[in-house]
């Protein structure tokens, strides 16, 4: 997680509102808080077998139901259904589910608490958004997990996945990733070294309906040995944006807990070294590749380098990006 998010005042205030002790890493403290809540829930279902069942179970504990919309007619149907029940907050549902919005959670004002949940999480499964439906559901639950008393009385929030401009959305992406492939369920299957093939095997075993990209995020974070997941694509530094100086950069970097403990750190927006297999897979538009490398190859334009460390890099072209799994040798 970036230092910028750790130092963000919104995240620090959220941690304080949740009653967490002051920390130099409020992001990690909030994630730990969410996991404590879920572990407490699981005392009622200790043998929950799969992440999909965990998703449904946690949704019930948090007081929401999932409603999927697969076309425009579904949106109008859901909107009409809840408006007919007196839920005025659904009047702008079709407007809120815009092209860059994947889900919205609304608090009901006229539900019967004896048999109806207080929240409804509408999941947009239209077009390409269907591939992210599983992660979107965990994203919505992430917001409910960190919902503080200050925001319980009035709650209506539309959520866009992977929004770097919104610190809470970025935080909830991390929370969602830590639950989408729950560590206690992944680790019994995480044998040998992590590869794209092993990630796909675990995805098929635990959550075949989830996307491969969400599996990469979740499995790499839950892997018991050190691992860094990196996404590289053409991008500019902020100061070069107007100049159009795009280079291949690590636009997203996720370092798992085991890697943190080993002192392995990587950072977003650094240029990909030309001698890395990541660069070669992108440049040659090849499907995949692997190579023994050294982290000290990574440097910034002002000469800052990562510490020397021998690593094995698996790189795979997915869409317009190269995803890489990096593990120490």
Protein backbone atom coordinates (compact mmCIF):
# COMPACT_ATOMS: atom_id res chain seq x y z
CA UNK A 1 0.00 0.00 0.00
CA UNK A 2 1.36 3.41 -0.96
CA UNK A 3 2.79 5.77 1.64
CA UNK A 4 0.44 8.42 0.29
CA UNK A 5 -2.63 6.43 1.36
CA UNK A 6 -1.12 5.66 4.78
CA UNK A 7 -0.60 9.39 5.36
CA UNK A 8 -4.00 10.45 4.02
CA UNK A 9 -5.99 12.44 6.59
CA UNK A 10 -9.28 10.80 5.55
CA UNK A 11 -7.84 7.34 6.27
CA UNK A 12 -6.34 8.48 9.58
CA UNK A 13 -9.69 9.96 10.65
CA UNK A 14 -11.50 6.78 9.62
CA UNK A 15 -9.14 4.71 11.79
CA UNK A 16 -9.83 7.05 14.72
CA UNK A 17 -13.62 6.85 14.13
CA UNK A 18 -13.35 3.06 14.24
CA UNK A 19 -11.72 3.35 17.67
CA UNK A 20 -8.31 2.15 16.50
CA UNK A 21 -5.12 3.25 18.21
CA UNK A 22 -2.98 5.83 16.47
CA UNK A 23 -0.54 4.10 14.14
CA UNK A 24 2.02 4.94 11.46
CA UNK A 25 0.13 2.49 9.22
CA UNK A 26 -3.62 3.11 9.61
CA UNK A 27 -4.32 1.13 6.42
CA UNK A 28 -2.95 -2.08 7.92
CA UNK A 29 -4.76 -1.34 11.19
CA UNK A 30 -8.09 -0.97 9.39
CA UNK A 31 -7.58 -4.19 7.42
CA UNK A 32 -6.77 -6.02 10.67
CA UNK A 33 -9.94 -4.55 12.20
CA UNK A 34 -12.02 -5.89 9.28
CA UNK A 35 -10.49 -9.34 9.65
CA UNK A 36 -11.26 -9.36 13.39
CA UNK A 37 -14.89 -8.60 12.60
CA UNK A 38 -15.12 -11.41 10.06
CA UNK A 39 -13.40 -13.90 12.38
CA UNK A 40 -16.01 -13.03 15.01
CA UNK A 41 -18.77 -13.65 12.46
CA UNK A 42 -17.22 -17.03 11.62
CA UNK A 43 -17.60 -18.22 15.20
CA UNK A 44 -21.18 -18.92 14.06
CA UNK A 45 -19.98 -20.79 10.93
CA UNK A 46 -16.49 -22.16 11.67
CA UNK A 47 -16.47 -24.60 8.75
CA UNK A 48 -17.42 -22.17 5.99
CA UNK A 49 -15.89 -23.98 2.98
CA UNK A 50 -15.47 -21.47 0.13
CA UNK A 51 -15.01 -17.73 -0.44
CA UNK A 52 -18.34 -17.64 -2.28
CA UNK A 53 -20.18 -18.98 0.77
CA UNK A 54 -18.17 -16.65 2.97
CA UNK A 55 -19.36 -13.75 0.80
CA UNK A 56 -23.02 -14.64 1.31
CA UNK A 57 -22.53 -15.28 5.02
CA UNK A 58 -20.73 -11.97 5.67
CA UNK A 59 -23.33 -10.06 3.62
CA UNK A 60 -26.05 -11.49 5.87
CA UNK A 61 -24.09 -10.54 9.01
CA UNK A 62 -23.60 -6.99 7.71
CA UNK A 63 -27.29 -6.63 6.88
CA UNK A 64 -27.31 -6.42 3.10
CA UNK A 65 -28.60 -8.39 0.14
CA UNK A 66 -27.06 -8.46 -3.33
CA UNK A 67 -29.22 -7.57 -6.31
CA UNK A 68 -27.56 -8.08 -9.71
CA UNK A 69 -28.61 -6.10 -12.78
CA UNK A 70 -27.58 -7.58 -16.14
CA UNK A 71 -29.26 -5.14 -18.55
CA UNK A 72 -31.03 -1.78 -18.62
CA UNK A 73 -34.41 -3.46 -18.13
CA UNK A 74 -33.12 -5.02 -14.89
CA UNK A 75 -32.13 -1.58 -13.61
CA UNK A 76 -35.61 -0.21 -14.28
CA UNK A 77 -37.23 -3.30 -12.73
CA UNK A 78 -35.20 -3.02 -9.51
CA UNK A 79 -35.77 0.72 -9.37
CA UNK A 80 -39.53 0.26 -9.76
CA UNK A 81 -39.68 -2.60 -7.25
CA UNK A 82 -38.13 -0.60 -4.43
CA UNK A 83 -39.88 2.66 -5.30
CA UNK A 84 -43.18 0.77 -5.01
CA UNK A 85 -42.09 -0.17 -1.46
CA UNK A 86 -41.57 3.47 -0.59
CA UNK A 87 -37.76 3.47 -0.89
CA UNK A 88 -37.23 6.94 -2.38
CA UNK A 89 -33.43 6.57 -2.49
CA UNK A 90 -33.82 4.28 -5.53
CA UNK A 91 -35.24 7.08 -7.70
CA UNK A 92 -31.84 7.88 -9.25
CA UNK A 93 -30.54 4.28 -9.42
CA UNK A 94 -30.17 4.32 -13.22
CA UNK A 95 -28.18 7.57 -13.07
CA UNK A 96 -25.90 6.36 -10.28
CA UNK A 97 -24.92 3.18 -12.12
CA UNK A 98 -22.89 5.12 -14.67
CA UNK A 99 -20.24 3.69 -16.98
CA UNK A 100 -17.49 3.87 -14.33
CA UNK A 101 -19.60 2.75 -11.36
CA UNK A 102 -19.80 -0.91 -10.48
CA UNK A 103 -22.06 -0.96 -7.44
CA UNK A 104 -24.20 1.07 -5.06
CA UNK A 105 -25.32 0.27 -1.52
CA UNK A 106 -28.46 1.95 -0.22
CA UNK A 107 -29.96 1.98 3.25
CA UNK A 108 -33.64 1.16 3.30
CA UNK A 109 -36.00 3.40 5.25
CA UNK A 110 -39.14 1.28 5.08
CA UNK A 111 -37.92 -2.30 5.56
CA UNK A 112 -39.44 -4.67 8.09
CA UNK A 113 -36.58 -5.50 10.51
CA UNK A 114 -38.18 -8.85 11.37
CA UNK A 115 -37.41 -10.35 7.94
CA UNK A 116 -35.77 -7.74 5.70
CA UNK A 117 -32.17 -6.56 5.66
CA UNK A 118 -31.54 -2.82 6.19
CA UNK A 119 -29.26 -2.47 3.13
CA UNK A 120 -29.44 -3.35 -0.55
CA UNK A 121 -26.24 -3.66 -2.61
CA UNK A 122 -26.99 -3.33 -6.32
CA UNK A 123 -24.25 -4.92 -8.45
CA UNK A 124 -23.90 -3.77 -12.05
CA UNK A 125 -23.23 -6.85 -14.23
CA UNK A 126 -23.84 -5.18 -17.58
CA UNK A 127 -21.23 -5.76 -20.26
CA UNK A 128 -17.62 -5.93 -19.12
CA UNK A 129 -18.65 -5.19 -15.52
CA UNK A 130 -19.87 -8.77 -15.19
CA UNK A 131 -16.25 -9.95 -15.01
CA UNK A 132 -15.77 -7.91 -11.83
CA UNK A 133 -19.06 -8.77 -10.14
CA UNK A 134 -17.49 -11.01 -7.49
CA UNK A 135 -14.90 -8.39 -6.53
CA UNK A 136 -17.58 -5.66 -6.61
CA UNK A 137 -19.61 -7.58 -4.03
CA UNK A 138 -16.61 -7.75 -1.69
CA UNK A 139 -15.99 -4.06 -2.40
CA UNK A 140 -19.52 -3.24 -1.21
CA UNK A 141 -19.04 -5.38 1.91
CA UNK A 142 -15.74 -3.58 2.50
CA UNK A 143 -17.62 -0.30 2.79
CA UNK A 144 -20.06 -1.84 5.26
CA UNK A 145 -17.22 -3.34 7.31
CA UNK A 146 -15.75 0.13 7.88
CA UNK A 147 -19.07 1.92 8.22
CA UNK A 148 -18.76 4.05 11.37
CA UNK A 149 -21.46 5.31 13.70
CA UNK A 150 -21.03 8.76 12.17
CA UNK A 151 -22.31 7.48 8.81
CA UNK A 152 -24.98 4.99 9.88
CA UNK A 153 -27.96 7.34 10.07
CA UNK A 154 -27.69 8.58 6.49
CA UNK A 155 -26.15 6.12 4.09
CA UNK A 156 -26.25 6.18 0.33
CA UNK A 157 -22.97 5.76 -1.47
CA UNK A 158 -22.15 4.87 -5.05
CA UNK A 159 -18.88 3.01 -5.50
CA UNK A 160 -16.41 3.04 -8.38
CA UNK A 161 -13.75 0.35 -8.28
CA UNK A 162 -10.06 1.28 -8.51
CA UNK A 163 -10.56 5.04 -8.10
CA UNK A 164 -7.12 6.43 -7.20
CA UNK A 165 -8.57 9.89 -6.52
CA UNK A 166 -10.75 8.66 -3.66
CA UNK A 167 -8.79 7.41 -0.63
CA UNK A 168 -11.68 5.42 0.83
CA UNK A 169 -12.31 3.65 -2.49
CA UNK A 170 -8.61 2.79 -2.71
CA UNK A 171 -8.65 1.48 0.87
CA UNK A 172 -11.77 -0.61 0.26
CA UNK A 173 -10.15 -2.13 -2.84
CA UNK A 174 -7.41 -3.42 -0.53
CA UNK A 175 -9.94 -4.68 2.02
CA UNK A 176 -11.94 -6.44 -0.71
CA UNK A 177 -8.82 -8.07 -2.11
CA UNK A 178 -7.93 -9.47 1.30
CA UNK A 179 -11.31 -11.23 1.57
CA UNK A 180 -12.05 -12.22 -2.04
CA UNK A 181 -9.62 -15.11 -1.54
CA UNK A 182 -9.69 -15.56 2.22
CA UNK A 183 -6.23 -16.58 3.51
CA UNK A 184 -7.53 -19.45 5.65
CA UNK A 185 -9.07 -20.99 2.52
CA UNK A 186 -6.21 -20.26 0.12
CA UNK A 187 -3.28 -21.44 2.22
CA UNK A 188 -4.14 -25.16 2.29
CA UNK A 189 -4.03 -25.06 -1.53
CA UNK A 190 -0.95 -22.82 -1.80
CA UNK A 191 1.76 -25.41 -2.32
CA UNK A 192 5.09 -24.85 -4.04
CA UNK A 193 5.86 -21.52 -5.67
CA UNK A 194 3.23 -19.11 -6.85
CA UNK A 195 2.74 -19.05 -10.63
CA UNK A 196 -0.05 -18.00 -12.95
CA UNK A 197 -0.95 -21.68 -13.26
CA UNK A 198 -1.23 -22.15 -9.49
CA UNK A 199 -3.38 -19.02 -9.20
CA UNK A 200 -5.74 -20.40 -11.87
CA UNK A 201 -5.87 -23.78 -10.10
CA UNK A 202 -6.92 -22.09 -6.85
CA UNK A 203 -9.45 -19.89 -8.66
CA UNK A 204 -11.08 -22.97 -10.19
CA UNK A 205 -11.14 -24.74 -6.82
CA UNK A 206 -12.47 -21.87 -4.71
CA UNK A 207 -14.26 -19.40 -6.93
CA UNK A 208 -14.67 -20.37 -10.61
CA UNK A 209 -17.09 -17.44 -11.09
CA UNK A 210 -14.43 -14.89 -10.10
CA UNK A 211 -12.21 -13.22 -12.68
CA UNK A 212 -8.57 -14.26 -13.13
CA UNK A 213 -7.48 -10.72 -12.28
CA UNK A 214 -9.30 -10.75 -8.94
CA UNK A 215 -7.76 -14.18 -8.27
CA UNK A 216 -4.28 -12.76 -8.91
CA UNK A 217 -4.89 -10.00 -6.37
CA UNK A 218 -6.45 -12.22 -3.72
CA UNK A 219 -4.25 -15.30 -4.04
CA UNK A 220 -0.98 -13.35 -4.14
CA UNK A 221 -1.98 -11.47 -0.99
CA UNK A 222 -2.89 -14.71 0.81
CA UNK A 223 0.15 -16.70 -0.37
CA UNK A 224 2.17 -17.87 2.68
CA UNK A 225 5.59 -17.09 1.13
CA UNK A 226 6.84 -13.68 -0.10
CA UNK A 227 5.28 -12.43 -3.31
CA UNK A 228 4.82 -9.14 -5.16
CA UNK A 229 2.07 -8.71 -7.74
CA UNK A 230 2.73 -5.96 -10.27
CA UNK A 231 0.77 -4.56 -13.19
CA UNK A 232 2.80 -2.69 -15.84
CA UNK A 233 1.48 -0.58 -18.69
CA UNK A 234 2.35 2.59 -20.57
CA UNK A 235 1.93 5.59 -18.26
CA UNK A 236 3.37 9.03 -17.50
CA UNK A 237 4.68 10.48 -14.28
CA UNK A 238 2.36 13.19 -12.98
CA UNK A 239 4.86 15.92 -13.84
CA UNK A 240 5.22 14.56 -17.40
CA UNK A 241 1.53 14.08 -18.12
CA UNK A 242 1.10 17.21 -20.23
CA UNK A 243 4.24 16.34 -22.19
CA UNK A 244 2.98 12.90 -23.12
CA UNK A 245 6.22 11.15 -22.06
CA UNK A 246 4.72 7.70 -21.48
CA UNK A 247 6.95 4.78 -20.53
CA UNK A 248 6.28 1.28 -19.27
CA UNK A 249 5.65 1.68 -15.56
CA UNK A 250 4.47 -0.40 -12.61
CA UNK A 251 1.06 1.25 -12.30
CA UNK A 252 -0.12 -1.08 -9.51
CA UNK A 253 2.05 -2.89 -6.97
CA UNK A 254 0.85 -5.23 -4.22
CA UNK A 255 3.36 -6.60 -1.69
CA UNK A 256 2.01 -9.43 0.48
CA UNK A 257 2.54 -9.71 4.23
CA UNK A 258 5.23 -12.37 3.95
CA UNK A 259 7.20 -10.11 1.60
CA UNK A 260 6.85 -7.16 3.98
CA UNK A 261 8.29 -9.31 6.77
CA UNK A 262 11.27 -10.19 4.55
CA UNK A 263 11.92 -6.50 3.92
CA UNK A 264 10.87 -6.65 0.25
CA UNK A 265 9.36 -3.40 -0.98
CA UNK A 266 8.39 -2.18 -4.44
CA UNK A 267 6.64 1.02 -5.38
CA UNK A 268 4.10 2.11 -8.00
CA UNK A 269 4.99 4.35 -10.94
CA UNK A 270 8.64 3.23 -11.19
CA UNK A 271 9.85 2.55 -14.73
CA UNK A 272 10.17 -1.10 -15.73
CA UNK A 273 13.84 -1.96 -16.51
CA UNK A 274 14.37 -2.74 -20.17
CA UNK A 275 16.28 -5.92 -19.31
CA UNK A 276 13.35 -7.25 -17.25
CA UNK A 277 11.18 -10.00 -18.68
CA UNK A 278 8.23 -7.70 -17.92
CA UNK A 279 9.52 -5.20 -20.48
CA UNK A 280 10.36 -7.95 -22.96
CA UNK A 281 6.91 -9.55 -22.78
CA UNK A 282 5.31 -6.13 -23.34
CA UNK A 283 7.68 -5.10 -26.13
CA UNK A 284 7.39 -8.39 -28.03
CA UNK A 285 3.66 -8.84 -27.29
CA UNK A 286 4.42 -12.41 -26.25
CA UNK A 287 2.06 -14.35 -24.04
CA UNK A 288 4.34 -14.93 -21.06
CA UNK A 289 7.89 -15.38 -19.86
CA UNK A 290 10.03 -15.95 -16.77
CA UNK A 291 13.50 -14.85 -15.73
CA UNK A 292 15.89 -14.59 -12.77
CA UNK A 293 16.45 -10.90 -12.07
CA UNK A 294 17.66 -8.48 -9.39
CA UNK A 295 15.54 -5.79 -7.76
CA UNK A 296 18.42 -3.33 -8.00
CA UNK A 297 17.66 -3.11 -11.72
CA UNK A 298 14.71 -0.91 -10.75
CA UNK A 299 15.60 2.76 -10.52
CA UNK A 300 14.01 6.17 -10.82
CA UNK A 301 15.04 8.95 -13.18
CA UNK A 302 16.91 10.63 -10.30
CA UNK A 303 18.99 7.50 -9.64
CA UNK A 304 17.18 5.99 -6.66
CA UNK A 305 17.39 2.17 -6.71
CA UNK A 306 15.74 -0.72 -4.94
CA UNK A 307 17.94 -2.80 -2.65
CA UNK A 308 19.77 -5.66 -4.35
CA UNK A 309 17.82 -8.91 -4.07
CA UNK A 310 17.70 -11.89 -6.41
CA UNK A 311 14.15 -12.64 -7.56
CA UNK A 312 12.27 -14.83 -9.99
CA UNK A 313 9.83 -12.97 -12.22
CA UNK A 314 6.87 -14.54 -14.02
CA UNK A 315 5.30 -12.14 -16.53
CA UNK A 316 2.05 -12.53 -18.48
CA UNK A 317 0.39 -10.26 -21.03
CA UNK A 318 -3.28 -9.73 -20.13
CA UNK A 319 -5.14 -7.19 -22.23
CA UNK A 320 -2.95 -4.13 -22.59
CA UNK A 321 -1.02 -4.77 -19.38
CA UNK A 322 1.71 -7.11 -18.25
CA UNK A 323 1.10 -8.73 -14.86
CA UNK A 324 4.12 -10.05 -12.98
CA UNK A 325 4.56 -12.35 -9.99
CA UNK A 326 7.87 -11.62 -8.27
CA UNK A 327 9.30 -13.93 -5.62
CA UNK A 328 12.72 -14.04 -3.88
CA UNK A 329 15.04 -16.88 -4.91
